[in-house]
Amino acid sequence: MLAIFIEKNLKLYIMKFGKIIWQDLTVDNAQHIKDFYCEVVGWTFSNVDQGDYNDFNITNPNDYKVVAGICHKKGEISNFPSQWLNYVTVESLDTVLKSVSH
């Protein structure tokens, strides 16, 4: 889901380092959590087909931009923490990886 979002919106984020570009919430009960946020916050959603179930793109109703994902805790991501995860742009992934590996 993140890769598709970045590919479609890459031109908006070129040279904007340090910007949160995506937020993801991976939970056991994604359908219920999606319904909660849509009701309480007013977000809208679209389904993201995962084969035998759907994850969800979350849309800001003010500008209709996809701003986050709510995902089921299944498969490769079954061990992800149940919390909002932020994705931040960096100028050089190699530089960041070197700086945190010391």
C-alpha atoms as a PDB file:
ATOM      1  CA  MET A   1       0.000   0.000   0.000  1.00  0.00           C
ATOM      2  CA  LEU A   2       2.785   2.464   0.918  1.00  0.00           C
ATOM      3  CA  ALA A   3       4.701   1.782  -2.291  1.00  0.00           C
ATOM      4  CA  ILE A   4       1.615   2.500  -4.417  1.00  0.00           C
ATOM      5  CA  PHE A   5       0.952   5.724  -2.510  1.00  0.00           C
ATOM      6  CA  ILE A   6       4.540   6.949  -2.886  1.00  0.00           C
ATOM      7  CA  GLU A   7       4.670   6.043  -6.572  1.00  0.00           C
ATOM      8  CA  LYS A   8       1.486   7.999  -7.300  1.00  0.00           C
ATOM      9  CA  ASN A   9       2.529  10.995  -5.200  1.00  0.00           C
ATOM     10  CA  LEU A  10       6.328  11.016  -5.526  1.00  0.00           C
ATOM     11  CA  LYS A  11       6.454  14.319  -7.393  1.00  0.00           C
ATOM     12  CA  LEU A  12       4.761  16.011  -4.415  1.00  0.00           C
ATOM     13  CA  TYR A  13       7.501  14.899  -2.016  1.00  0.00           C
ATOM     14  CA  ILE A  14      10.718  15.417  -3.952  1.00  0.00           C
ATOM     15  CA  MET A  15      13.121  17.497  -1.825  1.00  0.00           C
ATOM     16  CA  LYS A  16      10.784  17.637   1.182  1.00  0.00           C
ATOM     17  CA  PHE A  17      12.955  15.757   3.655  1.00  0.00           C
ATOM     18  CA  GLY A  18      11.714  15.241   7.185  1.00  0.00           C
ATOM     19  CA  LYS A  19       8.073  15.247   6.107  1.00  0.00           C
ATOM     20  CA  ILE A  20       5.665  12.595   7.384  1.00  0.00           C
ATOM     21  CA  ILE A  21       4.310  11.150   4.146  1.00  0.00           C
ATOM     22  CA  TRP A  22       2.259   8.232   5.408  1.00  0.00           C
ATOM     23  CA  GLN A  23       0.680   6.812   8.533  1.00  0.00           C
ATOM     24  CA  ASP A  24      -0.266   3.199   8.953  1.00  0.00           C
ATOM     25  CA  LEU A  25      -2.230   1.391  11.639  1.00  0.00           C
ATOM     26  CA  THR A  26      -2.011  -2.401  11.700  1.00  0.00           C
ATOM     27  CA  VAL A  27      -4.535  -4.052  14.023  1.00  0.00           C
ATOM     28  CA  ASP A  28      -6.378  -7.322  14.566  1.00  0.00           C
ATOM     29  CA  ASN A  29      -9.783  -5.683  14.029  1.00  0.00           C
ATOM     30  CA  ALA A  30      -9.115  -3.323  11.105  1.00  0.00           C
ATOM     31  CA  GLN A  31     -12.771  -3.216   9.984  1.00  0.00           C
ATOM     32  CA  HIS A  32     -13.935  -2.076  13.432  1.00  0.00           C
ATOM     33  CA  ILE A  33     -11.110   0.457  13.852  1.00  0.00           C
ATOM     34  CA  LYS A  34     -11.750   1.864  10.355  1.00  0.00           C
ATOM     35  CA  ASP A  35     -15.450   2.252  11.176  1.00  0.00           C
ATOM     36  CA  PHE A  36     -14.578   3.982  14.476  1.00  0.00           C
ATOM     37  CA  TYR A  37     -12.303   6.583  12.873  1.00  0.00           C
ATOM     38  CA  CYS A  38     -14.699   7.204   9.994  1.00  0.00           C
ATOM     39  CA  GLU A  39     -17.556   7.826  12.430  1.00  0.00           C
ATOM     40  CA  VAL A  40     -15.654   9.854  15.037  1.00  0.00           C
ATOM     41  CA  VAL A  41     -13.234  11.826  12.841  1.00  0.00           C
ATOM     42  CA  GLY A  42     -15.276  11.950   9.651  1.00  0.00           C
ATOM     43  CA  TRP A  43     -12.709  10.213   7.470  1.00  0.00           C
ATOM     44  CA  THR A  44     -13.786   8.251   4.421  1.00  0.00           C
ATOM     45  CA  PHE A  45     -12.146   5.104   3.087  1.00  0.00           C
ATOM     46  CA  SER A  46     -11.559   2.927   0.077  1.00  0.00           C
ATOM     47  CA  ASN A  47     -10.862  -0.794   0.075  1.00  0.00           C
ATOM     48  CA  VAL A  48      -7.433  -2.175  -0.760  1.00  0.00           C
ATOM     49  CA  ASP A  49      -7.867  -5.740  -2.008  1.00  0.00           C
ATOM     50  CA  GLN A  50      -5.611  -8.219  -0.214  1.00  0.00           C
ATOM     51  CA  GLY A  51      -7.111 -11.333  -1.794  1.00  0.00           C
ATOM     52  CA  ASP A  52      -9.373 -12.833   0.865  1.00  0.00           C
ATOM     53  CA  TYR A  53      -9.884  -9.570   2.785  1.00  0.00           C
ATOM     54  CA  ASN A  54      -9.585  -5.789   2.376  1.00  0.00           C
ATOM     55  CA  ASP A  55      -7.297  -3.317   4.070  1.00  0.00           C
ATOM     56  CA  PHE A  56      -8.276   0.356   3.885  1.00  0.00           C
ATOM     57  CA  ASN A  57      -6.951   3.621   2.497  1.00  0.00           C
ATOM     58  CA  ILE A  58      -8.150   6.484   4.668  1.00  0.00           C
ATOM     59  CA  THR A  59      -9.128   9.748   2.985  1.00  0.00           C
ATOM     60  CA  ASN A  60      -9.276  13.242   4.425  1.00  0.00           C
ATOM     61  CA  PRO A  61     -12.794  14.509   3.553  1.00  0.00           C
ATOM     62  CA  ASN A  62     -11.575  18.119   3.335  1.00  0.00           C
ATOM     63  CA  ASP A  63      -9.248  17.625   0.372  1.00  0.00           C
ATOM     64  CA  TYR A  64      -9.983  13.998  -0.636  1.00  0.00           C
ATOM     65  CA  LYS A  65      -6.316  13.002  -0.278  1.00  0.00           C
ATOM     66  CA  VAL A  66      -5.412   9.538   0.941  1.00  0.00           C
ATOM     67  CA  VAL A  67      -3.602  10.174   4.217  1.00  0.00           C
ATOM     68  CA  ALA A  68      -3.255   6.813   5.950  1.00  0.00           C
ATOM     69  CA  GLY A  69      -3.820   3.098   5.880  1.00  0.00           C
ATOM     70  CA  ILE A  70      -5.574   0.798   8.313  1.00  0.00           C
ATOM     71  CA  CYS A  71      -4.453  -2.786   7.860  1.00  0.00           C
ATOM     72  CA  HIS A  72      -5.296  -6.205   9.211  1.00  0.00           C
ATOM     73  CA  LYS A  73      -2.581  -7.822  11.295  1.00  0.00           C
ATOM     74  CA  LYS A  74      -2.081 -10.808   8.965  1.00  0.00           C
ATOM     75  CA  GLY A  75       0.727 -12.548   7.114  1.00  0.00           C
ATOM     76  CA  GLU A  76       4.038 -10.666   6.942  1.00  0.00           C
ATOM     77  CA  ILE A  77       2.736  -7.904   9.207  1.00  0.00           C
ATOM     78  CA  SER A  78       1.151 -10.106  11.864  1.00  0.00           C
ATOM     79  CA  ASN A  79       3.850  -9.091  14.358  1.00  0.00           C
ATOM     80  CA  PHE A  80       3.604  -5.344  13.767  1.00  0.00           C
ATOM     81  CA  PRO A  81       2.743  -3.305  16.873  1.00  0.00           C
ATOM     82  CA  SER A  82      -0.855  -2.085  17.129  1.00  0.00           C
ATOM     83  CA  GLN A  83      -0.013   1.601  16.980  1.00  0.00           C
ATOM     84  CA  TRP A  84       0.126   4.376  14.418  1.00  0.00           C
ATOM     85  CA  LEU A  85       3.393   4.134  12.462  1.00  0.00           C
ATOM     86  CA  ASN A  86       4.703   7.246  10.713  1.00  0.00           C
ATOM     87  CA  TYR A  87       6.812   7.161   7.554  1.00  0.00           C
ATOM     88  CA  VAL A  88       9.244  10.076   7.164  1.00  0.00           C
ATOM     89  CA  THR A  89      11.225  11.120   4.079  1.00  0.00           C
ATOM     90  CA  VAL A  90      14.998  11.339   4.314  1.00  0.00           C
ATOM     91  CA  GLU A  91      17.550  12.737   1.895  1.00  0.00           C
ATOM     92  CA  SER A  92      19.668   9.579   1.840  1.00  0.00           C
ATOM     93  CA  LEU A  93      18.598   6.199   3.159  1.00  0.00           C
ATOM     94  CA  ASP A  94      22.214   4.993   3.057  1.00  0.00           C
ATOM     95  CA  THR A  95      23.309   7.897   5.277  1.00  0.00           C
ATOM     96  CA  VAL A  96      20.508   7.253   7.762  1.00  0.00           C
ATOM     97  CA  LEU A  97      21.249   3.530   7.926  1.00  0.00           C
ATOM     98  CA  LYS A  98      24.952   4.225   8.545  1.00  0.00           C
ATOM     99  CA  SER A  99      24.142   6.719  11.297  1.00  0.00           C
ATOM    100  CA  VAL A 100      21.904   4.321  13.225  1.00  0.00           C
ATOM    101  CA  SER A 101      24.150   1.283  12.858  1.00  0.00           C
ATOM    102  CA  HIS A 102      26.898   2.658  15.136  1.00  0.00           C
END
